[in-house]
Amino acid sequence: MQVILIQDVDNLGGRNELVTVKNGYARNYLIPRKFAVEANPGNLKQLEERLKVKAKKEAAMLAEINKVVEVLKSAPVKIGAKTGTSGKIFGTVTSLQIARAIRDQKGYEIDRKRISIVEEVKELGAYKASIDFGNGNVTEIDFEVIGE
């Protein structure tokens, strides 16, 4: 019997997925517990519409991410740090500082947990950081550490 899953079911499939299961499993477990509905023509049509809406949302989100990536890659983000006489900075540059610099200079609010610094920053100069936007959308940006 074919059923459409309403929510994720372990070892079976994810939400909005069409799966084939045994009749008893569908009638006695999945359907009564509202984990799935029978795959009749009306439910299949609703599934198709939900998948179209989801695809449109993902396309709009991807377009927004691409716009943000363009702005971030247009020029390096500048981060000020206190330095000693030899050019070494006191402490290190963190993802929180990068997130604040992006917010102040580029106008986009990015969660600091999504930013990871590629190499440890101990001196003035140019470095790279990667930003994970989710769904496999990862980009690298340049940032420059300058003395204050």
N, C-alpha and C. Protein backbone atom coordinates (compact mmCIF):
# COMPACT_ATOMS: atom_id res chain seq x y z
N MET A 1 0.85 -1.18 0.00
CA MET A 1 0.00 0.00 0.00
C MET A 1 0.89 1.24 0.00
N GLN A 2 0.52 2.21 -0.79
CA GLN A 2 1.27 3.46 -0.83
C GLN A 2 0.62 4.48 0.10
N VAL A 3 1.48 5.16 0.89
CA VAL A 3 1.01 6.20 1.79
C VAL A 3 1.90 7.43 1.64
N ILE A 4 1.34 8.57 2.01
CA ILE A 4 2.09 9.83 2.03
C ILE A 4 2.37 10.16 3.49
N LEU A 5 3.63 10.30 3.83
CA LEU A 5 3.99 10.58 5.21
C LEU A 5 3.69 12.04 5.55
N ILE A 6 3.04 12.26 6.67
CA ILE A 6 2.70 13.60 7.13
C ILE A 6 3.83 14.16 7.98
N GLN A 7 4.55 13.28 8.67
CA GLN A 7 5.70 13.69 9.46
C GLN A 7 6.80 12.65 9.31
N ASP A 8 8.00 13.00 9.77
CA ASP A 8 9.14 12.09 9.66
C ASP A 8 8.88 10.83 10.49
N VAL A 9 9.21 9.67 9.91
CA VAL A 9 9.09 8.39 10.60
C VAL A 9 10.45 7.72 10.50
N ASP A 10 10.99 7.32 11.66
CA ASP A 10 12.30 6.67 11.68
C ASP A 10 12.29 5.41 10.83
N ASN A 11 13.36 5.19 10.12
CA ASN A 11 13.59 4.02 9.28
C ASN A 11 12.56 3.85 8.16
N LEU A 12 11.83 4.92 7.85
CA LEU A 12 10.84 4.82 6.78
C LEU A 12 10.98 5.97 5.79
N GLY A 13 10.96 7.21 6.27
CA GLY A 13 11.09 8.34 5.36
C GLY A 13 10.78 9.65 6.04
N GLY A 14 10.88 10.71 5.26
CA GLY A 14 10.64 12.05 5.76
C GLY A 14 9.27 12.57 5.38
N ARG A 15 8.98 13.75 5.88
CA ARG A 15 7.70 14.40 5.63
C ARG A 15 7.49 14.63 4.13
N ASN A 16 6.25 14.53 3.69
CA ASN A 16 5.85 14.72 2.29
C ASN A 16 6.52 13.73 1.35
N GLU A 17 6.74 12.53 1.82
CA GLU A 17 7.37 11.51 1.00
C GLU A 17 6.36 10.40 0.72
N LEU A 18 6.37 9.88 -0.49
CA LEU A 18 5.48 8.79 -0.89
C LEU A 18 6.23 7.48 -0.69
N VAL A 19 5.70 6.60 0.17
CA VAL A 19 6.38 5.34 0.47
C VAL A 19 5.41 4.17 0.31
N THR A 20 5.96 3.00 0.08
CA THR A 20 5.17 1.78 -0.01
C THR A 20 5.43 0.95 1.24
N VAL A 21 4.35 0.61 1.94
CA VAL A 21 4.45 -0.20 3.16
C VAL A 21 3.41 -1.31 3.09
N LYS A 22 3.51 -2.25 4.03
CA LYS A 22 2.52 -3.32 4.09
C LYS A 22 1.19 -2.76 4.57
N ASN A 23 0.10 -3.39 4.13
CA ASN A 23 -1.25 -2.90 4.45
C ASN A 23 -1.49 -2.78 5.95
N GLY A 24 -1.10 -3.78 6.70
CA GLY A 24 -1.35 -3.78 8.14
C GLY A 24 -0.58 -2.66 8.85
N TYR A 25 0.65 -2.43 8.44
CA TYR A 25 1.46 -1.37 9.04
C TYR A 25 0.82 -0.01 8.79
N ALA A 26 0.30 0.19 7.59
CA ALA A 26 -0.34 1.46 7.27
C ALA A 26 -1.65 1.62 8.03
N ARG A 27 -2.52 0.59 8.00
CA ARG A 27 -3.85 0.70 8.60
C ARG A 27 -3.84 0.68 10.13
N ASN A 28 -2.90 -0.06 10.73
CA ASN A 28 -2.90 -0.22 12.18
C ASN A 28 -1.96 0.72 12.91
N TYR A 29 -0.97 1.26 12.22
CA TYR A 29 0.00 2.09 12.92
C TYR A 29 0.10 3.50 12.33
N LEU A 30 0.44 3.62 11.06
CA LEU A 30 0.73 4.93 10.47
C LEU A 30 -0.49 5.83 10.38
N ILE A 31 -1.57 5.34 9.83
CA ILE A 31 -2.76 6.18 9.61
C ILE A 31 -3.46 6.54 10.92
N PRO A 32 -3.69 5.59 11.87
CA PRO A 32 -4.35 5.98 13.13
C PRO A 32 -3.54 6.98 13.97
N ARG A 33 -2.21 6.91 13.89
CA ARG A 33 -1.38 7.82 14.68
C ARG A 33 -1.07 9.12 13.93
N LYS A 34 -1.72 9.32 12.81
CA LYS A 34 -1.58 10.53 11.98
C LYS A 34 -0.13 10.74 11.50
N PHE A 35 0.57 9.63 11.24
CA PHE A 35 1.91 9.71 10.66
C PHE A 35 1.82 9.74 9.14
N ALA A 36 0.71 9.23 8.59
CA ALA A 36 0.58 9.13 7.14
C ALA A 36 -0.89 9.17 6.75
N VAL A 37 -1.12 9.42 5.45
CA VAL A 37 -2.45 9.33 4.86
C VAL A 37 -2.35 8.43 3.63
N GLU A 38 -3.48 7.86 3.26
CA GLU A 38 -3.51 6.98 2.10
C GLU A 38 -3.21 7.78 0.83
N ALA A 39 -2.50 7.17 -0.09
CA ALA A 39 -2.12 7.84 -1.33
C ALA A 39 -3.21 7.71 -2.37
N ASN A 40 -4.32 8.43 -2.18
CA ASN A 40 -5.39 8.44 -3.19
C ASN A 40 -5.17 9.66 -4.10
N PRO A 41 -5.90 9.77 -5.20
CA PRO A 41 -5.65 10.88 -6.14
C PRO A 41 -5.75 12.28 -5.51
N GLY A 42 -6.69 12.48 -4.60
CA GLY A 42 -6.84 13.80 -3.96
C GLY A 42 -5.63 14.13 -3.09
N ASN A 43 -5.17 13.16 -2.29
CA ASN A 43 -4.01 13.39 -1.44
C ASN A 43 -2.73 13.56 -2.25
N LEU A 44 -2.64 12.83 -3.37
CA LEU A 44 -1.47 12.98 -4.24
C LEU A 44 -1.42 14.39 -4.85
N LYS A 45 -2.60 14.92 -5.19
CA LYS A 45 -2.65 16.27 -5.75
C LYS A 45 -2.23 17.30 -4.70
N GLN A 46 -2.69 17.11 -3.44
CA GLN A 46 -2.28 18.01 -2.35
C GLN A 46 -0.77 17.93 -2.12
N LEU A 47 -0.21 16.72 -2.19
CA LEU A 47 1.23 16.54 -2.03
C LEU A 47 1.99 17.30 -3.12
N GLU A 48 1.50 17.19 -4.34
CA GLU A 48 2.12 17.88 -5.46
C GLU A 48 2.13 19.40 -5.24
N GLU A 49 1.01 19.93 -4.77
CA GLU A 49 0.91 21.38 -4.49
C GLU A 49 1.87 21.80 -3.38
N ARG A 50 1.94 20.99 -2.31
CA ARG A 50 2.86 21.30 -1.21
C ARG A 50 4.30 21.31 -1.69
N LEU A 51 4.66 20.36 -2.56
CA LEU A 51 6.02 20.30 -3.08
C LEU A 51 6.32 21.49 -3.98
N LYS A 52 5.33 21.96 -4.76
CA LYS A 52 5.52 23.15 -5.60
C LYS A 52 5.76 24.38 -4.74
N VAL A 53 4.97 24.54 -3.68
CA VAL A 53 5.12 25.68 -2.77
C VAL A 53 6.49 25.64 -2.11
N LYS A 54 6.90 24.44 -1.69
CA LYS A 54 8.20 24.29 -1.05
C LYS A 54 9.33 24.65 -2.02
N ALA A 55 9.20 24.24 -3.28
CA ALA A 55 10.22 24.55 -4.28
C ALA A 55 10.30 26.05 -4.53
N LYS A 56 9.15 26.74 -4.55
CA LYS A 56 9.15 28.19 -4.74
C LYS A 56 9.83 28.89 -3.57
N LYS A 57 9.53 28.44 -2.34
CA LYS A 57 10.15 29.03 -1.16
C LYS A 57 11.66 28.84 -1.18
N GLU A 58 12.11 27.65 -1.55
CA GLU A 58 13.54 27.37 -1.61
C GLU A 58 14.21 28.21 -2.68
N ALA A 59 13.55 28.40 -3.82
CA ALA A 59 14.12 29.22 -4.89
C ALA A 59 14.25 30.68 -4.44
N ALA A 60 13.23 31.19 -3.74
CA ALA A 60 13.29 32.56 -3.23
C ALA A 60 14.38 32.70 -2.19
N MET A 61 14.51 31.71 -1.32
CA MET A 61 15.55 31.76 -0.30
C MET A 61 16.94 31.70 -0.93
N LEU A 62 17.11 30.87 -1.96
CA LEU A 62 18.39 30.76 -2.64
C LEU A 62 18.76 32.07 -3.33
N ALA A 63 17.77 32.74 -3.92
CA ALA A 63 18.01 34.04 -4.56
C ALA A 63 18.46 35.06 -3.52
N GLU A 64 17.82 35.06 -2.36
CA GLU A 64 18.20 35.98 -1.28
C GLU A 64 19.62 35.68 -0.78
N ILE A 65 19.95 34.40 -0.64
CA ILE A 65 21.30 34.01 -0.21
C ILE A 65 22.33 34.46 -1.22
N ASN A 66 22.04 34.29 -2.51
CA ASN A 66 22.98 34.71 -3.55
C ASN A 66 23.20 36.22 -3.52
N LYS A 67 22.14 36.98 -3.24
CA LYS A 67 22.26 38.43 -3.14
C LYS A 67 23.16 38.81 -1.97
N VAL A 68 22.97 38.15 -0.84
CA VAL A 68 23.80 38.41 0.34
C VAL A 68 25.26 38.04 0.06
N VAL A 69 25.48 36.92 -0.60
CA VAL A 69 26.84 36.47 -0.91
C VAL A 69 27.54 37.48 -1.82
N GLU A 70 26.83 38.01 -2.81
CA GLU A 70 27.42 39.03 -3.69
C GLU A 70 27.88 40.24 -2.91
N VAL A 71 27.03 40.71 -1.99
CA VAL A 71 27.38 41.88 -1.19
C VAL A 71 28.58 41.57 -0.30
N LEU A 72 28.61 40.39 0.29
CA LEU A 72 29.70 40.04 1.19
C LEU A 72 31.03 39.88 0.45
N LYS A 73 30.97 39.39 -0.78
CA LYS A 73 32.20 39.18 -1.54
C LYS A 73 32.67 40.44 -2.28
N SER A 74 31.86 41.49 -2.30
CA SER A 74 32.22 42.69 -3.05
C SER A 74 33.47 43.35 -2.50
N ALA A 75 33.63 43.40 -1.20
CA ALA A 75 34.81 44.00 -0.58
C ALA A 75 35.05 43.30 0.75
N PRO A 76 36.30 43.20 1.17
CA PRO A 76 36.56 42.53 2.45
C PRO A 76 36.03 43.33 3.63
N VAL A 77 35.63 42.62 4.65
CA VAL A 77 35.15 43.24 5.88
C VAL A 77 36.38 43.63 6.70
N LYS A 78 36.36 44.82 7.25
CA LYS A 78 37.50 45.29 8.04
C LYS A 78 37.17 45.17 9.53
N ILE A 79 38.10 44.57 10.26
CA ILE A 79 37.93 44.37 11.69
C ILE A 79 39.10 45.02 12.41
N GLY A 80 38.79 45.91 13.34
CA GLY A 80 39.83 46.59 14.11
C GLY A 80 40.25 45.76 15.31
N ALA A 81 41.54 45.76 15.59
CA ALA A 81 42.05 45.02 16.74
C ALA A 81 43.21 45.79 17.36
N LYS A 82 43.33 45.71 18.66
CA LYS A 82 44.44 46.37 19.35
C LYS A 82 45.68 45.53 19.15
N THR A 83 46.79 46.21 18.84
CA THR A 83 48.03 45.49 18.53
C THR A 83 49.17 45.98 19.41
N GLY A 84 50.17 45.12 19.49
CA GLY A 84 51.41 45.50 20.17
C GLY A 84 52.34 46.16 19.17
N THR A 85 53.56 46.42 19.57
CA THR A 85 54.51 47.09 18.69
C THR A 85 54.98 46.21 17.55
N SER A 86 54.90 44.89 17.72
CA SER A 86 55.39 43.97 16.68
C SER A 86 54.31 43.64 15.64
N GLY A 87 53.11 44.14 15.78
CA GLY A 87 52.05 43.86 14.80
C GLY A 87 51.15 42.71 15.20
N LYS A 88 51.46 42.04 16.30
CA LYS A 88 50.60 40.96 16.78
C LYS A 88 49.44 41.56 17.56
N ILE A 89 48.29 40.94 17.41
CA ILE A 89 47.11 41.48 18.08
C ILE A 89 46.98 40.85 19.47
N PHE A 90 46.34 41.60 20.35
CA PHE A 90 46.06 41.08 21.69
C PHE A 90 44.82 40.20 21.58
N GLY A 91 44.94 38.95 21.96
CA GLY A 91 43.82 38.02 21.85
C GLY A 91 43.72 37.47 20.44
N THR A 92 42.51 37.24 19.98
CA THR A 92 42.28 36.73 18.64
C THR A 92 40.96 37.27 18.11
N VAL A 93 40.76 37.18 16.82
CA VAL A 93 39.50 37.62 16.21
C VAL A 93 38.52 36.45 16.29
N THR A 94 37.30 36.73 16.73
CA THR A 94 36.28 35.69 16.88
C THR A 94 35.18 35.85 15.85
N SER A 95 34.34 34.84 15.77
CA SER A 95 33.21 34.89 14.84
C SER A 95 32.22 35.98 15.25
N LEU A 96 32.14 36.29 16.53
CA LEU A 96 31.26 37.36 17.00
C LEU A 96 31.72 38.71 16.45
N GLN A 97 33.02 38.95 16.44
CA GLN A 97 33.54 40.20 15.87
C GLN A 97 33.26 40.28 14.38
N ILE A 98 33.39 39.17 13.68
CA ILE A 98 33.11 39.15 12.24
C ILE A 98 31.63 39.42 12.00
N ALA A 99 30.76 38.80 12.80
CA ALA A 99 29.31 39.01 12.64
C ALA A 99 28.95 40.48 12.88
N ARG A 100 29.55 41.09 13.89
CA ARG A 100 29.27 42.51 14.15
C ARG A 100 29.79 43.39 13.03
N ALA A 101 30.97 43.07 12.49
CA ALA A 101 31.53 43.86 11.39
C ALA A 101 30.65 43.75 10.15
N ILE A 102 30.14 42.56 9.86
CA ILE A 102 29.25 42.38 8.71
C ILE A 102 27.98 43.20 8.92
N ARG A 103 27.43 43.16 10.12
CA ARG A 103 26.22 43.93 10.42
C ARG A 103 26.47 45.42 10.25
N ASP A 104 27.59 45.93 10.76
CA ASP A 104 27.87 47.36 10.71
C ASP A 104 28.25 47.83 9.31
N GLN A 105 29.05 47.04 8.59
CA GLN A 105 29.58 47.49 7.30
C GLN A 105 28.71 47.09 6.11
N LYS A 106 28.09 45.93 6.17
CA LYS A 106 27.32 45.44 5.02
C LYS A 106 25.81 45.51 5.23
N GLY A 107 25.37 45.60 6.49
CA GLY A 107 23.94 45.73 6.77
C GLY A 107 23.18 44.42 6.84
N TYR A 108 23.87 43.29 6.97
CA TYR A 108 23.20 42.00 7.07
C TYR A 108 23.49 41.37 8.43
N GLU A 109 22.44 40.85 9.04
CA GLU A 109 22.56 40.20 10.34
C GLU A 109 22.80 38.71 10.09
N ILE A 110 23.99 38.22 10.46
CA ILE A 110 24.33 36.81 10.29
C ILE A 110 24.67 36.26 11.67
N ASP A 111 24.10 35.12 11.99
CA ASP A 111 24.34 34.50 13.29
C ASP A 111 25.80 34.09 13.40
N ARG A 112 26.41 34.39 14.52
CA ARG A 112 27.83 34.09 14.70
C ARG A 112 28.11 32.60 14.67
N LYS A 113 27.11 31.77 14.98
CA LYS A 113 27.30 30.32 14.97
C LYS A 113 27.45 29.78 13.56
N ARG A 114 27.04 30.55 12.58
CA ARG A 114 27.15 30.12 11.19
C ARG A 114 28.50 30.49 10.58
N ILE A 115 29.29 31.27 11.31
CA ILE A 115 30.58 31.73 10.80
C ILE A 115 31.69 30.90 11.43
N SER A 116 32.60 30.40 10.59
CA SER A 116 33.77 29.70 11.10
C SER A 116 35.01 30.29 10.42
N ILE A 117 36.00 30.55 11.23
CA ILE A 117 37.24 31.15 10.73
C ILE A 117 38.15 30.02 10.25
N VAL A 118 38.68 30.19 9.02
CA VAL A 118 39.46 29.13 8.39
C VAL A 118 40.78 28.91 9.12
N GLU A 119 41.49 29.98 9.45
CA GLU A 119 42.76 29.85 10.16
C GLU A 119 42.78 30.79 11.35
N GLU A 120 43.60 30.47 12.34
CA GLU A 120 43.67 31.28 13.55
C GLU A 120 44.26 32.65 13.24
N VAL A 121 43.65 33.68 13.80
CA VAL A 121 44.04 35.06 13.52
C VAL A 121 44.82 35.58 14.72
N LYS A 122 46.13 35.81 14.53
CA LYS A 122 46.96 36.33 15.61
C LYS A 122 47.70 37.61 15.20
N GLU A 123 47.70 37.93 13.90
CA GLU A 123 48.43 39.10 13.41
C GLU A 123 47.53 39.92 12.49
N LEU A 124 47.98 41.12 12.17
CA LEU A 124 47.27 41.95 11.20
C LEU A 124 47.39 41.32 9.83
N GLY A 125 46.39 41.53 8.97
CA GLY A 125 46.46 41.00 7.62
C GLY A 125 45.11 40.55 7.11
N ALA A 126 45.13 39.86 5.97
CA ALA A 126 43.90 39.39 5.33
C ALA A 126 43.70 37.91 5.62
N TYR A 127 42.46 37.54 5.91
CA TYR A 127 42.11 36.17 6.26
C TYR A 127 40.80 35.79 5.59
N LYS A 128 40.42 34.51 5.73
CA LYS A 128 39.17 34.02 5.18
C LYS A 128 38.32 33.40 6.28
N ALA A 129 37.01 33.53 6.11
CA ALA A 129 36.05 32.89 7.00
C ALA A 129 34.97 32.27 6.13
N SER A 130 34.39 31.18 6.60
CA SER A 130 33.31 30.56 5.83
C SER A 130 32.00 30.74 6.58
N ILE A 131 30.94 30.97 5.80
CA ILE A 131 29.60 31.16 6.35
C ILE A 131 28.71 30.06 5.80
N ASP A 132 28.03 29.34 6.70
CA ASP A 132 27.13 28.27 6.32
C ASP A 132 25.70 28.79 6.42
N PHE A 133 25.03 28.96 5.27
CA PHE A 133 23.66 29.46 5.23
C PHE A 133 22.64 28.34 5.39
N GLY A 134 23.08 27.09 5.47
CA GLY A 134 22.18 25.95 5.57
C GLY A 134 21.87 25.38 4.20
N ASN A 135 21.34 24.17 4.17
CA ASN A 135 21.00 23.47 2.93
C ASN A 135 22.18 23.35 1.98
N GLY A 136 23.38 23.22 2.51
CA GLY A 136 24.57 23.06 1.68
C GLY A 136 25.07 24.35 1.05
N ASN A 137 24.55 25.49 1.44
CA ASN A 137 25.01 26.77 0.91
C ASN A 137 26.09 27.34 1.81
N VAL A 138 27.35 27.12 1.42
CA VAL A 138 28.49 27.60 2.18
C VAL A 138 29.29 28.52 1.28
N THR A 139 29.73 29.65 1.82
CA THR A 139 30.55 30.57 1.05
C THR A 139 31.71 31.07 1.90
N GLU A 140 32.78 31.42 1.24
CA GLU A 140 33.93 31.98 1.94
C GLU A 140 33.98 33.48 1.69
N ILE A 141 34.25 34.23 2.74
CA ILE A 141 34.39 35.67 2.61
C ILE A 141 35.78 36.07 3.08
N ASP A 142 36.23 37.21 2.61
CA ASP A 142 37.51 37.76 3.03
C ASP A 142 37.27 38.78 4.12
N PHE A 143 38.17 38.81 5.09
CA PHE A 143 38.14 39.88 6.09
C PHE A 143 39.56 40.31 6.37
N GLU A 144 39.68 41.54 6.75
CA GLU A 144 41.00 42.13 6.96
C GLU A 144 41.07 42.64 8.40
N VAL A 145 42.14 42.28 9.09
CA VAL A 145 42.35 42.74 10.44
C VAL A 145 43.29 43.94 10.38
N ILE A 146 42.80 45.07 10.88
CA ILE A 146 43.59 46.30 10.87
C ILE A 146 43.81 46.77 12.30
N GLY A 147 44.88 47.50 12.52
CA GLY A 147 45.20 47.99 13.85
C GLY A 147 44.35 49.20 14.21
N GLU A 148 44.01 49.30 15.47
CA GLU A 148 43.21 50.45 15.95
C GLU A 148 44.12 51.49 16.53
